[in-house]
Amino acid sequence: MRKVSVAIADDHKIFAEGIQSVTKEIDWIIWAGAAHSAAETIALFKAKQPEVLLLDYHLPDGKGSEVAATILQEFPKAIILILSMEHDNDIIYQCKTAGVKGYLIKNLSSDELLEAIQQSVDGQEIFMWAPEKPATAKHADVLSKREKEIIRLITQGLTSQEIAEKLFLSTYTVDTHRRNILRKLDLKNTAMMVLYAQQHQL
């Protein structure tokens, strides 16, 4: 097994330290560091760019899915594995939509964790709970023609002002459309919207 750089983000320091401790004898893992908040996680990833990020879903200043979406917008090849005790279809599907490669149960064994890391590096997705589409999930068919047009322009990197000028709309109208798109698709921010659009070829 080739060496793999791994970072962990968890607000419980003892949990992060425990994961690092039980894997310290594994010669193919190189620990790139630990973070304990969303802001620290993003900063750590930008500085170290580990191949695999083990990311807690609940951080004091943000959700793991939001952190993942932010990282993946800049580093689309990042391998992010969510660590959680939440068996919630909405949360799992939200993480899947954000682009993570796995959703792992926090009480998994060290062997299971190592296997999950290996599989993710080999290109596999590892969801210990299946990311079933929630009954309440919102998808692109709920968007109007104008909203689909706006989401495509957002994906191209245009600002609300630039979109307004291009479509002969007011900035207020564009911002209203942006909020409606996030609400209809049950997404949290623009980064997740861009990833959604890319994944669904909007």
Protein backbone atom coordinates (compact mmCIF):
# COMPACT_ATOMS: atom_id res chain seq x y z
CA MET A 1 0.00 0.00 0.00
CA ARG A 2 1.41 3.39 -0.98
CA LYS A 3 1.61 6.11 1.66
CA VAL A 4 -1.50 8.23 2.10
CA SER A 5 -1.66 11.60 3.86
CA VAL A 6 -4.66 11.86 6.18
CA ALA A 7 -6.09 14.70 8.26
CA ILE A 8 -8.89 14.59 10.81
CA ALA A 9 -11.40 17.23 11.87
CA ASP A 10 -13.42 16.69 15.04
CA ASP A 11 -14.41 19.10 17.80
CA HIS A 12 -13.71 16.42 20.42
CA LYS A 13 -9.94 16.51 20.66
CA ILE A 14 -9.78 13.22 22.54
CA PHE A 15 -11.59 11.48 19.65
CA ALA A 16 -9.20 12.92 17.06
CA GLU A 17 -6.21 12.00 19.21
CA GLY A 18 -7.62 8.50 19.70
CA ILE A 19 -7.95 7.92 15.95
CA GLN A 20 -4.38 9.07 15.41
CA SER A 21 -3.14 6.94 18.30
CA VAL A 22 -4.70 3.65 17.15
CA THR A 23 -3.28 4.13 13.65
CA LYS A 24 0.16 5.45 14.55
CA GLU A 25 1.79 2.08 13.81
CA ILE A 26 0.29 1.93 10.31
CA ASP A 27 3.26 2.66 8.07
CA TRP A 28 1.25 3.76 5.04
CA ILE A 29 -0.61 6.54 6.86
CA ILE A 30 1.03 9.94 7.16
CA TRP A 31 -0.91 12.23 9.49
CA ALA A 32 -1.20 15.75 8.08
CA GLY A 33 -2.76 17.20 11.21
CA ALA A 34 -5.97 17.70 13.15
CA ALA A 35 -8.55 20.50 13.29
CA HIS A 36 -11.36 21.13 15.74
CA SER A 37 -13.62 23.63 13.96
CA ALA A 38 -14.90 24.33 10.45
CA ALA A 39 -12.58 27.32 10.03
CA GLU A 40 -9.56 25.33 11.25
CA THR A 41 -10.47 22.46 8.92
CA ILE A 42 -10.58 24.64 5.81
CA ALA A 43 -7.32 26.34 6.78
CA LEU A 44 -5.64 22.99 7.50
CA PHE A 45 -6.78 21.51 4.21
CA LYS A 46 -5.54 24.49 2.20
CA ALA A 47 -2.18 24.37 3.96
CA LYS A 48 -1.57 20.61 3.92
CA GLN A 49 -3.89 19.32 1.15
CA PRO A 50 -4.12 15.79 2.57
CA GLU A 51 -5.28 13.06 0.23
CA VAL A 52 -7.99 11.99 2.70
CA LEU A 53 -9.91 14.14 5.17
CA LEU A 54 -11.85 12.47 8.00
CA LEU A 55 -14.50 15.07 8.76
CA ASP A 56 -16.90 15.17 11.70
CA TYR A 57 -20.43 16.10 10.64
CA HIS A 58 -21.04 18.29 13.70
CA LEU A 59 -18.51 21.08 14.19
CA PRO A 60 -19.10 24.06 16.50
CA ASP A 61 -19.11 26.59 13.65
CA GLY A 62 -20.55 24.61 10.76
CA LYS A 63 -21.81 21.32 9.39
CA GLY A 64 -19.49 18.79 7.79
CA SER A 65 -21.46 18.91 4.53
CA GLU A 66 -20.92 22.68 4.31
CA VAL A 67 -17.21 22.36 5.06
CA ALA A 68 -16.93 19.59 2.46
CA ALA A 69 -18.69 21.68 -0.18
CA THR A 70 -16.36 24.62 0.49
CA ILE A 71 -13.24 22.44 0.21
CA LEU A 72 -14.47 20.56 -2.87
CA GLN A 73 -15.22 23.79 -4.69
CA GLU A 74 -11.49 24.62 -4.60
CA PHE A 75 -10.15 21.05 -4.45
CA PRO A 76 -12.60 18.92 -6.47
CA LYS A 77 -10.44 15.78 -6.22
CA ALA A 78 -10.34 15.84 -2.42
CA ILE A 79 -11.37 12.59 -0.72
CA ILE A 80 -13.62 13.49 2.21
CA LEU A 81 -15.10 10.90 4.55
CA ILE A 82 -17.76 12.10 6.97
CA LEU A 83 -17.68 10.72 10.52
CA SER A 84 -21.05 10.74 12.26
CA MET A 85 -23.44 8.97 14.62
CA GLU A 86 -26.45 10.41 12.76
CA HIS A 87 -28.52 7.78 10.97
CA ASP A 88 -30.61 10.37 9.17
CA ASN A 89 -31.41 9.99 5.47
CA ASP A 90 -31.61 13.75 4.96
CA ILE A 91 -28.14 14.28 6.45
CA ILE A 92 -26.60 11.34 4.60
CA TYR A 93 -28.09 12.43 1.28
CA GLN A 94 -27.01 16.01 1.96
CA CYS A 95 -23.42 14.80 2.43
CA LYS A 96 -23.65 12.69 -0.72
CA THR A 97 -24.90 15.73 -2.66
CA ALA A 98 -22.02 17.80 -1.30
CA GLY A 99 -19.63 15.37 -2.99
CA VAL A 100 -18.11 13.41 -0.11
CA LYS A 101 -16.77 9.91 -0.80
CA GLY A 102 -18.06 8.25 2.32
CA TYR A 103 -20.23 8.43 5.42
CA LEU A 104 -18.76 6.43 8.29
CA ILE A 105 -20.25 5.45 11.62
CA LYS A 106 -18.17 6.93 14.43
CA ASN A 107 -18.05 3.73 16.44
CA LEU A 108 -16.44 1.73 13.62
CA SER A 109 -13.36 -0.32 14.44
CA SER A 110 -9.85 0.81 13.52
CA ASP A 111 -9.68 -2.00 10.94
CA GLU A 112 -12.92 -0.78 9.35
CA LEU A 113 -11.57 2.77 9.27
CA LEU A 114 -8.34 1.70 7.61
CA GLU A 115 -10.28 -0.36 5.07
CA ALA A 116 -12.52 2.63 4.33
CA ILE A 117 -9.49 4.87 3.75
CA GLN A 118 -7.94 2.29 1.43
CA GLN A 119 -11.17 1.86 -0.53
CA SER A 120 -11.68 5.60 -0.89
CA VAL A 121 -8.14 6.05 -2.22
CA ASP A 122 -8.89 3.26 -4.71
CA GLY A 123 -11.83 5.28 -6.00
CA GLN A 124 -14.67 3.60 -4.14
CA GLU A 125 -17.45 5.30 -2.21
CA ILE A 126 -18.10 4.03 1.31
CA PHE A 127 -21.48 4.77 2.85
CA MET A 128 -22.06 2.66 5.95
CA TRP A 129 -25.63 3.90 5.83
CA ALA A 130 -27.04 4.13 2.33
CA PRO A 131 -27.58 7.69 1.03
CA GLU A 132 -31.20 7.04 0.09
CA LYS A 133 -33.04 9.89 -1.56
CA PRO A 134 -35.29 11.36 1.15
CA ALA A 135 -38.98 11.48 0.38
CA THR A 136 -38.83 15.24 0.85
CA ALA A 137 -35.74 15.75 -1.30
CA LYS A 138 -35.96 18.55 -3.81
CA HIS A 139 -34.50 18.18 -7.28
CA ALA A 140 -33.91 20.14 -10.42
CA ASP A 141 -37.41 19.49 -11.78
CA VAL A 142 -38.79 21.89 -9.16
CA LEU A 143 -36.78 24.79 -10.64
CA SER A 144 -38.26 27.24 -13.09
CA LYS A 145 -36.63 27.91 -16.45
CA ARG A 146 -35.30 31.23 -15.12
CA GLU A 147 -33.88 29.58 -11.98
CA LYS A 148 -32.08 26.95 -14.07
CA GLU A 149 -30.65 29.76 -16.20
CA ILE A 150 -29.43 31.58 -13.10
CA ILE A 151 -27.91 28.49 -11.51
CA ARG A 152 -25.94 27.85 -14.74
CA LEU A 153 -24.58 31.41 -14.64
CA ILE A 154 -23.68 31.04 -10.96
CA THR A 155 -21.78 27.86 -11.84
CA GLN A 156 -19.84 29.89 -14.42
CA GLY A 157 -18.69 32.17 -11.60
CA LEU A 158 -20.86 35.21 -12.33
CA THR A 159 -21.86 37.49 -9.46
CA SER A 160 -25.45 38.57 -8.80
CA GLN A 161 -24.64 41.95 -10.35
CA GLU A 162 -23.19 40.36 -13.49
CA ILE A 163 -26.17 38.01 -13.81
CA ALA A 164 -28.56 40.93 -13.36
CA GLU A 165 -26.87 42.85 -16.17
CA LYS A 166 -26.80 39.82 -18.45
CA LEU A 167 -30.47 38.95 -17.94
CA PHE A 168 -31.73 42.58 -17.65
CA LEU A 169 -32.94 41.99 -14.10
CA SER A 170 -32.40 43.84 -10.84
CA THR A 171 -29.79 42.54 -8.41
CA TYR A 172 -32.58 42.15 -5.85
CA THR A 173 -34.48 39.84 -8.24
CA VAL A 174 -31.38 37.71 -8.85
CA ASP A 175 -30.70 37.43 -5.12
CA THR A 176 -34.33 36.41 -4.59
CA HIS A 177 -33.91 33.68 -7.23
CA ARG A 178 -30.71 32.51 -5.50
CA ARG A 179 -32.53 32.17 -2.17
CA ASN A 180 -35.40 30.33 -3.83
CA ILE A 181 -33.01 27.91 -5.56
CA LEU A 182 -31.30 27.08 -2.24
CA ARG A 183 -34.68 26.59 -0.57
CA LYS A 184 -36.12 24.42 -3.35
CA LEU A 185 -33.05 22.19 -3.55
CA ASP A 186 -32.59 22.12 0.24
CA LEU A 187 -29.00 23.37 -0.06
CA LYS A 188 -27.16 25.56 2.42
CA ASN A 189 -24.89 27.80 0.37
CA THR A 190 -23.61 28.72 -3.08
CA ALA A 191 -20.75 26.21 -2.91
CA MET A 192 -23.24 23.37 -2.49
CA MET A 193 -25.38 24.83 -5.28
CA VAL A 194 -22.42 24.79 -7.68
CA LEU A 195 -21.57 21.18 -6.78
CA TYR A 196 -25.22 20.18 -7.21
CA ALA A 197 -25.37 21.82 -10.64
CA GLN A 198 -22.18 20.05 -11.73
CA GLN A 199 -23.34 16.66 -10.47
CA HIS A 200 -26.76 16.99 -12.12
CA GLN A 201 -25.41 18.58 -15.33
CA LEU A 202 -27.61 21.65 -15.07
